[in-house]
PDB file of N, CA and C in Angstrom:
ATOM      1  N   MET A   1     129.259  99.368 100.493  1.00  0.00           N
ATOM      2  CA  MET A   1     128.706 100.488  99.783  1.00  0.00           C
ATOM      3  C   MET A   1     128.516 101.640 100.770  1.00  0.00           C
ATOM      4  N   ALA A   2     128.664 102.807 100.143  1.00  0.00           N
ATOM      5  CA  ALA A   2     128.533 104.081 101.007  1.00  0.00           C
ATOM      6  C   ALA A   2     127.049 104.323 101.314  1.00  0.00           C
ATOM      7  N   GLU A   3     126.966 104.983 102.494  1.00  0.00           N
ATOM      8  CA  GLU A   3     125.589 105.459 102.944  1.00  0.00           C
ATOM      9  C   GLU A   3     125.002 106.459 101.848  1.00  0.00           C
ATOM     10  N   PRO A   4     123.691 106.328 101.452  1.00  0.00           N
ATOM     11  CA  PRO A   4     123.324 107.505 100.620  1.00  0.00           C
ATOM     12  C   PRO A   4     123.258 108.687 101.368  1.00  0.00           C
ATOM     13  N   LYS A   5     123.593 109.713 100.774  1.00  0.00           N
ATOM     14  CA  LYS A   5     123.521 111.163 101.355  1.00  0.00           C
ATOM     15  C   LYS A   5     122.120 111.881 100.985  1.00  0.00           C
ATOM     16  N   SER A   6     121.610 111.773  99.898  1.00  0.00           N
ATOM     17  CA  SER A   6     120.404 112.313  99.312  1.00  0.00           C
ATOM     18  C   SER A   6     119.411 111.320  98.652  1.00  0.00           C
ATOM     19  N   ILE A   7     118.119 111.754  98.824  1.00  0.00           N
ATOM     20  CA  ILE A   7     117.176 110.972  98.170  1.00  0.00           C
ATOM     21  C   ILE A   7     117.438 110.548  96.697  1.00  0.00           C
ATOM     22  N   THR A   8     118.284 111.361  96.010  1.00  0.00           N
ATOM     23  CA  THR A   8     118.477 110.992  94.703  1.00  0.00           C
ATOM     24  C   THR A   8     119.587 109.960  94.586  1.00  0.00           C
ATOM     25  N   ASP A   9     120.198 109.475  95.719  1.00  0.00           N
ATOM     26  CA  ASP A   9     120.986 108.481  95.932  1.00  0.00           C
ATOM     27  C   ASP A   9     120.402 106.997  96.132  1.00  0.00           C
ATOM     28  N   LEU A  10     119.166 106.996  96.561  1.00  0.00           N
ATOM     29  CA  LEU A  10     118.349 105.858  96.869  1.00  0.00           C
ATOM     30  C   LEU A  10     117.995 105.185  95.518  1.00  0.00           C
ATOM     31  N   ASP A  11     118.535 103.845  95.437  1.00  0.00           N
ATOM     32  CA  ASP A  11     118.164 103.169  94.275  1.00  0.00           C
ATOM     33  C   ASP A  11     116.755 102.868  94.011  1.00  0.00           C
ATOM     34  N   SER A  12     115.906 102.625  95.054  1.00  0.00           N
ATOM     35  CA  SER A  12     114.571 102.314  94.928  1.00  0.00           C
ATOM     36  C   SER A  12     113.671 103.463  94.510  1.00  0.00           C
ATOM     37  N   LEU A  13     114.154 104.579  94.565  1.00  0.00           N
ATOM     38  CA  LEU A  13     113.336 105.798  94.136  1.00  0.00           C
ATOM     39  C   LEU A  13     113.752 106.488  93.036  1.00  0.00           C
ATOM     40  N   GLY A  14     113.030 106.387  91.893  1.00  0.00           N
ATOM     41  CA  GLY A  14     113.474 107.010  90.668  1.00  0.00           C
ATOM     42  C   GLY A  14     112.984 108.346  90.610  1.00  0.00           C
ATOM     43  N   PRO A  15     113.328 109.099  89.519  1.00  0.00           N
ATOM     44  CA  PRO A  15     113.018 110.518  89.331  1.00  0.00           C
ATOM     45  C   PRO A  15     111.550 111.065  89.736  1.00  0.00           C
ATOM     46  N   LYS A  16     110.482 110.162  89.094  1.00  0.00           N
ATOM     47  CA  LYS A  16     109.167 110.499  89.321  1.00  0.00           C
ATOM     48  C   LYS A  16     108.838 110.373  90.823  1.00  0.00           C
ATOM     49  N   SER A  17     109.351 109.316  91.427  1.00  0.00           N
ATOM     50  CA  SER A  17     109.079 109.167  92.903  1.00  0.00           C
ATOM     51  C   SER A  17     109.686 110.235  93.742  1.00  0.00           C
ATOM     52  N   GLN A  18     110.926 110.702  93.265  1.00  0.00           N
ATOM     53  CA  GLN A  18     111.559 111.882  93.904  1.00  0.00           C
ATOM     54  C   GLN A  18     110.833 113.138  93.836  1.00  0.00           C
ATOM     55  N   GLU A  19     110.297 113.365  92.564  1.00  0.00           N
ATOM     56  CA  GLU A  19     109.470 114.611  92.305  1.00  0.00           C
ATOM     57  C   GLU A  19     108.176 114.401  93.086  1.00  0.00           C
ATOM     58  N   MET A  20     107.485 113.376  93.335  1.00  0.00           N
ATOM     59  CA  MET A  20     106.298 113.185  94.144  1.00  0.00           C
ATOM     60  C   MET A  20     106.598 113.579  95.692  1.00  0.00           C
ATOM     61  N   LEU A  21     107.721 113.048  96.031  1.00  0.00           N
ATOM     62  CA  LEU A  21     108.079 113.272  97.360  1.00  0.00           C
ATOM     63  C   LEU A  21     108.323 114.755  97.704  1.00  0.00           C
ATOM     64  N   ALA A  22     109.092 115.262  96.599  1.00  0.00           N
ATOM     65  CA  ALA A  22     109.487 116.801  96.834  1.00  0.00           C
ATOM     66  C   ALA A  22     108.202 117.738  96.824  1.00  0.00           C
ATOM     67  N   ARG A  23     107.150 117.358  95.997  1.00  0.00           N
ATOM     68  CA  ARG A  23     105.938 118.079  96.119  1.00  0.00           C
ATOM     69  C   ARG A  23     105.457 118.137  97.440  1.00  0.00           C
ATOM     70  N   ALA A  24     105.522 116.866  98.083  1.00  0.00           N
ATOM     71  CA  ALA A  24     105.075 116.801  99.406  1.00  0.00           C
ATOM     72  C   ALA A  24     105.827 117.252 100.589  1.00  0.00           C
ATOM     73  N   GLY A  25     106.928 117.769 100.226  1.00  0.00           N
ATOM     74  CA  GLY A  25     107.887 118.464 101.311  1.00  0.00           C
ATOM     75  C   GLY A  25     108.943 117.513 101.613  1.00  0.00           C
ATOM     76  N   VAL A  26     108.892 116.206 101.183  1.00  0.00           N
ATOM     77  CA  VAL A  26     109.993 115.389 101.609  1.00  0.00           C
ATOM     78  C   VAL A  26     111.317 115.324 100.737  1.00  0.00           C
ATOM     79  N   THR A  27     112.395 116.012 101.126  1.00  0.00           N
ATOM     80  CA  THR A  27     113.606 116.191 100.235  1.00  0.00           C
ATOM     81  C   THR A  27     114.731 115.752 100.734  1.00  0.00           C
ATOM     82  N   SER A  28     114.722 115.012 101.911  1.00  0.00           N
ATOM     83  CA  SER A  28     115.981 114.464 102.416  1.00  0.00           C
ATOM     84  C   SER A  28     115.859 113.139 102.969  1.00  0.00           C
ATOM     85  N   ILE A  29     116.873 112.289 102.946  1.00  0.00           N
ATOM     86  CA  ILE A  29     116.840 110.976 103.631  1.00  0.00           C
ATOM     87  C   ILE A  29     116.372 111.109 105.228  1.00  0.00           C
ATOM     88  N   ALA A  30     117.028 112.165 105.743  1.00  0.00           N
ATOM     89  CA  ALA A  30     116.640 112.365 107.299  1.00  0.00           C
ATOM     90  C   ALA A  30     115.147 112.572 107.337  1.00  0.00           C
ATOM     91  N   GLN A  31     114.437 113.281 106.492  1.00  0.00           N
ATOM     92  CA  GLN A  31     113.023 113.580 106.580  1.00  0.00           C
ATOM     93  C   GLN A  31     112.320 112.237 106.413  1.00  0.00           C
ATOM     94  N   LEU A  32     112.732 111.508 105.445  1.00  0.00           N
ATOM     95  CA  LEU A  32     112.145 110.242 105.045  1.00  0.00           C
ATOM     96  C   LEU A  32     112.220 109.136 106.401  1.00  0.00           C
ATOM     97  N   ARG A  33     113.289 109.210 106.806  1.00  0.00           N
ATOM     98  CA  ARG A  33     113.564 108.335 107.972  1.00  0.00           C
ATOM     99  C   ARG A  33     112.876 108.741 109.152  1.00  0.00           C
ATOM    100  N   LYS A  34     112.672 109.968 109.515  1.00  0.00           N
ATOM    101  CA  LYS A  34     111.829 110.486 110.581  1.00  0.00           C
ATOM    102  C   LYS A  34     110.464 110.146 110.392  1.00  0.00           C
ATOM    103  N   LEU A  35     109.912 110.447 109.142  1.00  0.00           N
ATOM    104  CA  LEU A  35     108.652 110.140 108.989  1.00  0.00           C
ATOM    105  C   LEU A  35     108.178 108.679 108.932  1.00  0.00           C
ATOM    106  N   GLY A  36     108.953 107.912 108.209  1.00  0.00           N
ATOM    107  CA  GLY A  36     108.659 106.483 107.869  1.00  0.00           C
ATOM    108  C   GLY A  36     107.987 106.501 106.488  1.00  0.00           C
ATOM    109  N   ALA A  37     107.822 105.194 106.188  1.00  0.00           N
ATOM    110  CA  ALA A  37     107.407 104.880 104.664  1.00  0.00           C
ATOM    111  C   ALA A  37     105.904 105.258 104.647  1.00  0.00           C
ATOM    112  N   VAL A  38     105.144 104.864 105.595  1.00  0.00           N
ATOM    113  CA  VAL A  38     103.731 105.028 105.543  1.00  0.00           C
ATOM    114  C   VAL A  38     103.168 106.613 105.502  1.00  0.00           C
ATOM    115  N   PRO A  39     103.734 107.350 106.540  1.00  0.00           N
ATOM    116  CA  PRO A  39     103.348 108.814 106.624  1.00  0.00           C
ATOM    117  C   PRO A  39     103.811 109.510 105.270  1.00  0.00           C
ATOM    118  N   ALA A  40     104.990 109.052 104.901  1.00  0.00           N
ATOM    119  CA  ALA A  40     105.731 109.720 103.517  1.00  0.00           C
ATOM    120  C   ALA A  40     104.849 109.432 102.440  1.00  0.00           C
ATOM    121  N   TYR A  41     104.402 108.220 102.259  1.00  0.00           N
ATOM    122  CA  TYR A  41     103.474 107.827 101.119  1.00  0.00           C
ATOM    123  C   TYR A  41     102.054 108.721 101.261  1.00  0.00           C
ATOM    124  N   ALA A  42     101.494 108.872 102.423  1.00  0.00           N
ATOM    125  CA  ALA A  42     100.373 109.577 102.647  1.00  0.00           C
ATOM    126  C   ALA A  42     100.549 110.952 102.253  1.00  0.00           C
ATOM    127  N   LEU A  43     101.613 111.562 102.646  1.00  0.00           N
ATOM    128  CA  LEU A  43     101.830 112.998 102.251  1.00  0.00           C
ATOM    129  C   LEU A  43     102.055 113.063 100.657  1.00  0.00           C
ATOM    130  N   ALA A  44     102.674 112.244 100.088  1.00  0.00           N
ATOM    131  CA  ALA A  44     102.909 112.198  98.639  1.00  0.00           C
ATOM    132  C   ALA A  44     101.482 111.965  97.971  1.00  0.00           C
ATOM    133  N   LYS A  45     100.739 110.982  98.567  1.00  0.00           N
ATOM    134  CA  LYS A  45      99.331 110.844  97.873  1.00  0.00           C
ATOM    135  C   LYS A  45      98.488 112.182  98.119  1.00  0.00           C
ATOM    136  N   LYS A  46      98.628 112.844  99.197  1.00  0.00           N
ATOM    137  CA  LYS A  46      97.821 114.056  99.319  1.00  0.00           C
ATOM    138  C   LYS A  46      98.454 115.038  98.446  1.00  0.00           C
ATOM    139  N   ALA A  47      99.617 115.178  98.268  1.00  0.00           N
ATOM    140  CA  ALA A  47     100.134 116.321  97.388  1.00  0.00           C
ATOM    141  C   ALA A  47      99.958 116.029  95.987  1.00  0.00           C
ATOM    142  N   ASN A  48      99.878 114.671  95.470  1.00  0.00           N
ATOM    143  CA  ASN A  48     100.110 114.441  94.170  1.00  0.00           C
ATOM    144  C   ASN A  48      98.760 113.746  93.619  1.00  0.00           C
ATOM    145  N   GLY A  49      97.720 113.622  94.399  1.00  0.00           N
ATOM    146  CA  GLY A  49      96.564 112.927  93.972  1.00  0.00           C
ATOM    147  C   GLY A  49      96.799 111.365  93.811  1.00  0.00           C
ATOM    148  N   ASN A  50      96.297 110.671  92.926  1.00  0.00           N
ATOM    149  CA  ASN A  50      96.284 109.289  92.849  1.00  0.00           C
ATOM    150  C   ASN A  50      97.790 108.831  92.699  1.00  0.00           C
ATOM    151  N   VAL A  51      98.308 108.143  93.638  1.00  0.00           N
ATOM    152  CA  VAL A  51      99.648 107.615  93.678  1.00  0.00           C
ATOM    153  C   VAL A  51      99.526 106.072  93.769  1.00  0.00           C
ATOM    154  N   SER A  52     100.239 105.386  93.180  1.00  0.00           N
ATOM    155  CA  SER A  52     100.233 103.803  93.161  1.00  0.00           C
ATOM    156  C   SER A  52     100.842 103.247  94.527  1.00  0.00           C
ATOM    157  N   LEU A  53     100.362 102.185  94.950  1.00  0.00           N
ATOM    158  CA  LEU A  53     101.080 101.552  96.130  1.00  0.00           C
ATOM    159  C   LEU A  53     102.483 101.216  95.830  1.00  0.00           C
ATOM    160  N   ASN A  54     102.922 101.208  94.563  1.00  0.00           N
ATOM    161  CA  ASN A  54     104.330 100.886  94.321  1.00  0.00           C
ATOM    162  C   ASN A  54     105.320 101.934  94.946  1.00  0.00           C
ATOM    163  N   LEU A  55     104.767 103.129  95.220  1.00  0.00           N
ATOM    164  CA  LEU A  55     105.522 103.987  95.697  1.00  0.00           C
ATOM    165  C   LEU A  55     105.727 103.701  97.400  1.00  0.00           C
ATOM    166  N   LEU A  56     104.710 103.119  97.852  1.00  0.00           N
ATOM    167  CA  LEU A  56     104.832 102.734  99.322  1.00  0.00           C
ATOM    168  C   LEU A  56     105.811 101.593  99.382  1.00  0.00           C
ATOM    169  N   TRP A  57     105.736 100.664  98.520  1.00  0.00           N
ATOM    170  CA  TRP A  57     106.786  99.452  98.561  1.00  0.00           C
ATOM    171  C   TRP A  57     108.126 100.106  98.326  1.00  0.00           C
ATOM    172  N   ALA A  58     108.419 101.041  97.340  1.00  0.00           N
ATOM    173  CA  ALA A  58     109.633 101.736  97.108  1.00  0.00           C
ATOM    174  C   ALA A  58     110.320 102.477  98.357  1.00  0.00           C
ATOM    175  N   LEU A  59     109.413 103.162  99.073  1.00  0.00           N
ATOM    176  CA  LEU A  59     109.644 103.962 100.358  1.00  0.00           C
ATOM    177  C   LEU A  59     110.068 102.977 101.324  1.00  0.00           C
ATOM    178  N   GLU A  60     109.555 101.998 101.558  1.00  0.00           N
ATOM    179  CA  GLU A  60     109.884 100.900 102.487  1.00  0.00           C
ATOM    180  C   GLU A  60     111.194 100.308 102.153  1.00  0.00           C
ATOM    181  N   SER A  61     111.366 100.077 100.836  1.00  0.00           N
ATOM    182  CA  SER A  61     112.550  99.582 100.351  1.00  0.00           C
ATOM    183  C   SER A  61     113.807 100.416 100.549  1.00  0.00           C
ATOM    184  N   ALA A  62     113.586 101.719 100.499  1.00  0.00           N
ATOM    185  CA  ALA A  62     114.563 102.660 100.566  1.00  0.00           C
ATOM    186  C   ALA A  62     115.012 102.649 102.052  1.00  0.00           C
ATOM    187  N   LEU A  63     114.099 102.477 102.955  1.00  0.00           N
ATOM    188  CA  LEU A  63     114.342 102.624 104.327  1.00  0.00           C
ATOM    189  C   LEU A  63     115.076 101.153 104.946  1.00  0.00           C
ATOM    190  N   SER A  64     114.382 100.201 104.426  1.00  0.00           N
ATOM    191  CA  SER A  64     114.884  98.762 105.043  1.00  0.00           C
ATOM    192  C   SER A  64     116.012  98.187 104.213  1.00  0.00           C
ATOM    193  N   GLY A  65     116.286  98.606 103.018  1.00  0.00           N
ATOM    194  CA  GLY A  65     117.333  97.908 102.333  1.00  0.00           C
ATOM    195  C   GLY A  65     116.893  96.709 101.386  1.00  0.00           C
ATOM    196  N   GLU A  66     115.704  96.138 101.554  1.00  0.00           N
ATOM    197  CA  GLU A  66     115.133  95.095 100.888  1.00  0.00           C
ATOM    198  C   GLU A  66     114.798  95.716  99.583  1.00  0.00           C
ATOM    199  N   SER A  67     114.564  94.850  98.493  1.00  0.00           N
ATOM    200  CA  SER A  67     114.185  95.209  97.291  1.00  0.00           C
ATOM    201  C   SER A  67     112.563  95.408  97.347  1.00  0.00           C
ATOM    202  N   TRP A  68     112.176  96.228  96.355  1.00  0.00           N
ATOM    203  CA  TRP A  68     110.649  96.572  96.625  1.00  0.00           C
ATOM    204  C   TRP A  68     109.877  95.540  96.320  1.00  0.00           C
ATOM    205  N   GLN A  69     110.295  94.432  95.452  1.00  0.00           N
ATOM    206  CA  GLN A  69     109.550  93.266  95.218  1.00  0.00           C
ATOM    207  C   GLN A  69     109.459  92.442  96.680  1.00  0.00           C
ATOM    208  N   GLU A  70     110.470  92.503  97.232  1.00  0.00           N
ATOM    209  CA  GLU A  70     110.421  91.635  98.593  1.00  0.00           C
ATOM    210  C   GLU A  70     109.553  92.309  99.635  1.00  0.00           C
ATOM    211  N   VAL A  71     109.564  93.643  99.629  1.00  0.00           N
ATOM    212  CA  VAL A  71     108.691  94.386 100.496  1.00  0.00           C
ATOM    213  C   VAL A  71     107.431  94.231 100.222  1.00  0.00           C
ATOM    214  N   ALA A  72     106.971  94.267  98.685  1.00  0.00           N
ATOM    215  CA  ALA A  72     105.571  93.918  98.394  1.00  0.00           C
ATOM    216  C   ALA A  72     104.981  92.610  98.719  1.00  0.00           C
ATOM    217  N   ARG A  73     106.190  91.628  98.643  1.00  0.00           N
ATOM    218  CA  ARG A  73     105.520  90.167  98.956  1.00  0.00           C
ATOM    219  C   ARG A  73     105.573  89.816 100.424  1.00  0.00           C
ATOM    220  N   LEU A  74     106.455  90.451 101.105  1.00  0.00           N
ATOM    221  CA  LEU A  74     106.666  90.060 102.698  1.00  0.00           C
ATOM    222  C   LEU A  74     106.062  90.992 103.554  1.00  0.00           C
ATOM    223  N   HIS A  75     105.900  92.256 103.234  1.00  0.00           N
ATOM    224  CA  HIS A  75     105.301  93.283 104.134  1.00  0.00           C
ATOM    225  C   HIS A  75     104.102  93.961 103.643  1.00  0.00           C
ATOM    226  N   ARG A  76     103.578  93.432 102.587  1.00  0.00           N
ATOM    227  CA  ARG A  76     102.225  94.070 101.970  1.00  0.00           C
ATOM    228  C   ARG A  76     101.178  94.352 103.024  1.00  0.00           C
ATOM    229  N   THR A  77     100.849  93.384 103.610  1.00  0.00           N
ATOM    230  CA  THR A  77      99.587  93.253 104.524  1.00  0.00           C
ATOM    231  C   THR A  77      99.998  94.127 105.713  1.00  0.00           C
ATOM    232  N   SER A  78     101.157  94.123 106.429  1.00  0.00           N
ATOM    233  CA  SER A  78     101.342  94.962 107.566  1.00  0.00           C
ATOM    234  C   SER A  78     101.512  96.484 107.126  1.00  0.00           C
ATOM    235  N   LEU A  79     101.976  96.732 105.819  1.00  0.00           N
ATOM    236  CA  LEU A  79     102.087  98.143 105.346  1.00  0.00           C
ATOM    237  C   LEU A  79     100.623  98.604 104.994  1.00  0.00           C
ATOM    238  N   LEU A  80      99.862  97.879 104.424  1.00  0.00           N
ATOM    239  CA  LEU A  80      98.362  98.497 104.114  1.00  0.00           C
ATOM    240  C   LEU A  80      97.734  98.611 105.603  1.00  0.00           C
ATOM    241  N   LEU A  81      97.799  97.594 106.475  1.00  0.00           N
ATOM    242  CA  LEU A  81      97.092  97.937 107.711  1.00  0.00           C
ATOM    243  C   LEU A  81      97.773  99.213 108.467  1.00  0.00           C
ATOM    244  N   ALA A  82      98.974  99.393 108.273  1.00  0.00           N
ATOM    245  CA  ALA A  82      99.468 100.629 108.865  1.00  0.00           C
ATOM    246  C   ALA A  82      99.052 101.825 108.185  1.00  0.00           C
ATOM    247  N   LEU A  83      98.791 101.728 106.865  1.00  0.00           N
ATOM    248  CA  LEU A  83      98.335 102.909 106.173  1.00  0.00           C
ATOM    249  C   LEU A  83      96.927 103.131 106.411  1.00  0.00           C
ATOM    250  N   GLU A  84      96.140 102.004 106.612  1.00  0.00           N
ATOM    251  CA  GLU A  84      94.597 102.228 106.910  1.00  0.00           C
ATOM    252  C   GLU A  84      94.758 102.882 108.497  1.00  0.00           C
ATOM    253  N   GLU A  85      95.552 102.538 109.262  1.00  0.00           N
ATOM    254  CA  GLU A  85      95.562 103.015 110.706  1.00  0.00           C
ATOM    255  C   GLU A  85      95.976 104.497 110.531  1.00  0.00           C
ATOM    256  N   HIS A  86      96.954 104.843 109.871  1.00  0.00           N
ATOM    257  CA  HIS A  86      97.404 106.365 109.752  1.00  0.00           C
ATOM    258  C   HIS A  86      96.315 107.078 109.163  1.00  0.00           C
ATOM    259  N   GLU A  87      95.631 106.574 108.125  1.00  0.00           N
ATOM    260  CA  GLU A  87      94.598 107.483 107.490  1.00  0.00           C
ATOM    261  C   GLU A  87      93.444 107.581 108.333  1.00  0.00           C
ATOM    262  N   LYS A  88      93.081 106.889 109.222  1.00  0.00           N
ATOM    263  CA  LYS A  88      92.077 106.796 110.312  1.00  0.00           C
ATOM    264  C   LYS A  88      92.587 107.837 111.149  1.00  0.00           C
ATOM    265  N   ASN A  89      93.836 107.818 111.821  1.00  0.00           N
ATOM    266  CA  ASN A  89      94.317 108.854 112.581  1.00  0.00           C
ATOM    267  C   ASN A  89      94.442 110.210 112.189  1.00  0.00           C
ATOM    268  N   VAL A  90      94.728 110.378 110.724  1.00  0.00           N
ATOM    269  CA  VAL A  90      94.716 111.706 110.247  1.00  0.00           C
ATOM    270  C   VAL A  90      93.377 112.196 110.090  1.00  0.00           C
ATOM    271  N   GLN A  91      92.349 111.518 109.675  1.00  0.00           N
ATOM    272  CA  GLN A  91      90.976 111.921 109.686  1.00  0.00           C
ATOM    273  C   GLN A  91      90.386 112.311 111.079  1.00  0.00           C
ATOM    274  N   ALA A  92      90.730 111.563 112.097  1.00  0.00           N
ATOM    275  CA  ALA A  92      90.280 112.068 113.445  1.00  0.00           C
ATOM    276  C   ALA A  92      90.763 113.307 113.863  1.00  0.00           C
ATOM    277  N   CYS A  93      91.868 113.660 113.532  1.00  0.00           N
ATOM    278  CA  CYS A  93      92.647 114.787 113.763  1.00  0.00           C
ATOM    279  C   CYS A  93      92.073 116.023 112.858  1.00  0.00           C
ATOM    280  N   ASP A  94      91.507 115.799 111.811  1.00  0.00           N
ATOM    281  CA  ASP A  94      90.742 116.817 110.833  1.00  0.00           C
ATOM    282  C   ASP A  94      89.544 117.401 111.306  1.00  0.00           C
TER     283      ASP A  94
END
């Protein structure tokens, strides 16, 4: 399978997720890879208000190649801990 070139090519991110990311300023796969799933999710949440954790699973899925269901099952705890740590660090900088 060819390497995706655009966020719109990522199977795990539908149009609504892509819109949320765009509102957060994340418009390319390169940006998403540079940020990582947790910071990208935090930006989307800040830009869009109440965002489901399903977006976090989908972002990690897009980066890892695992299905979002596998991500939610296998990486849920580590992602939630990383999100909590990220939010603490952001608050400390504000």
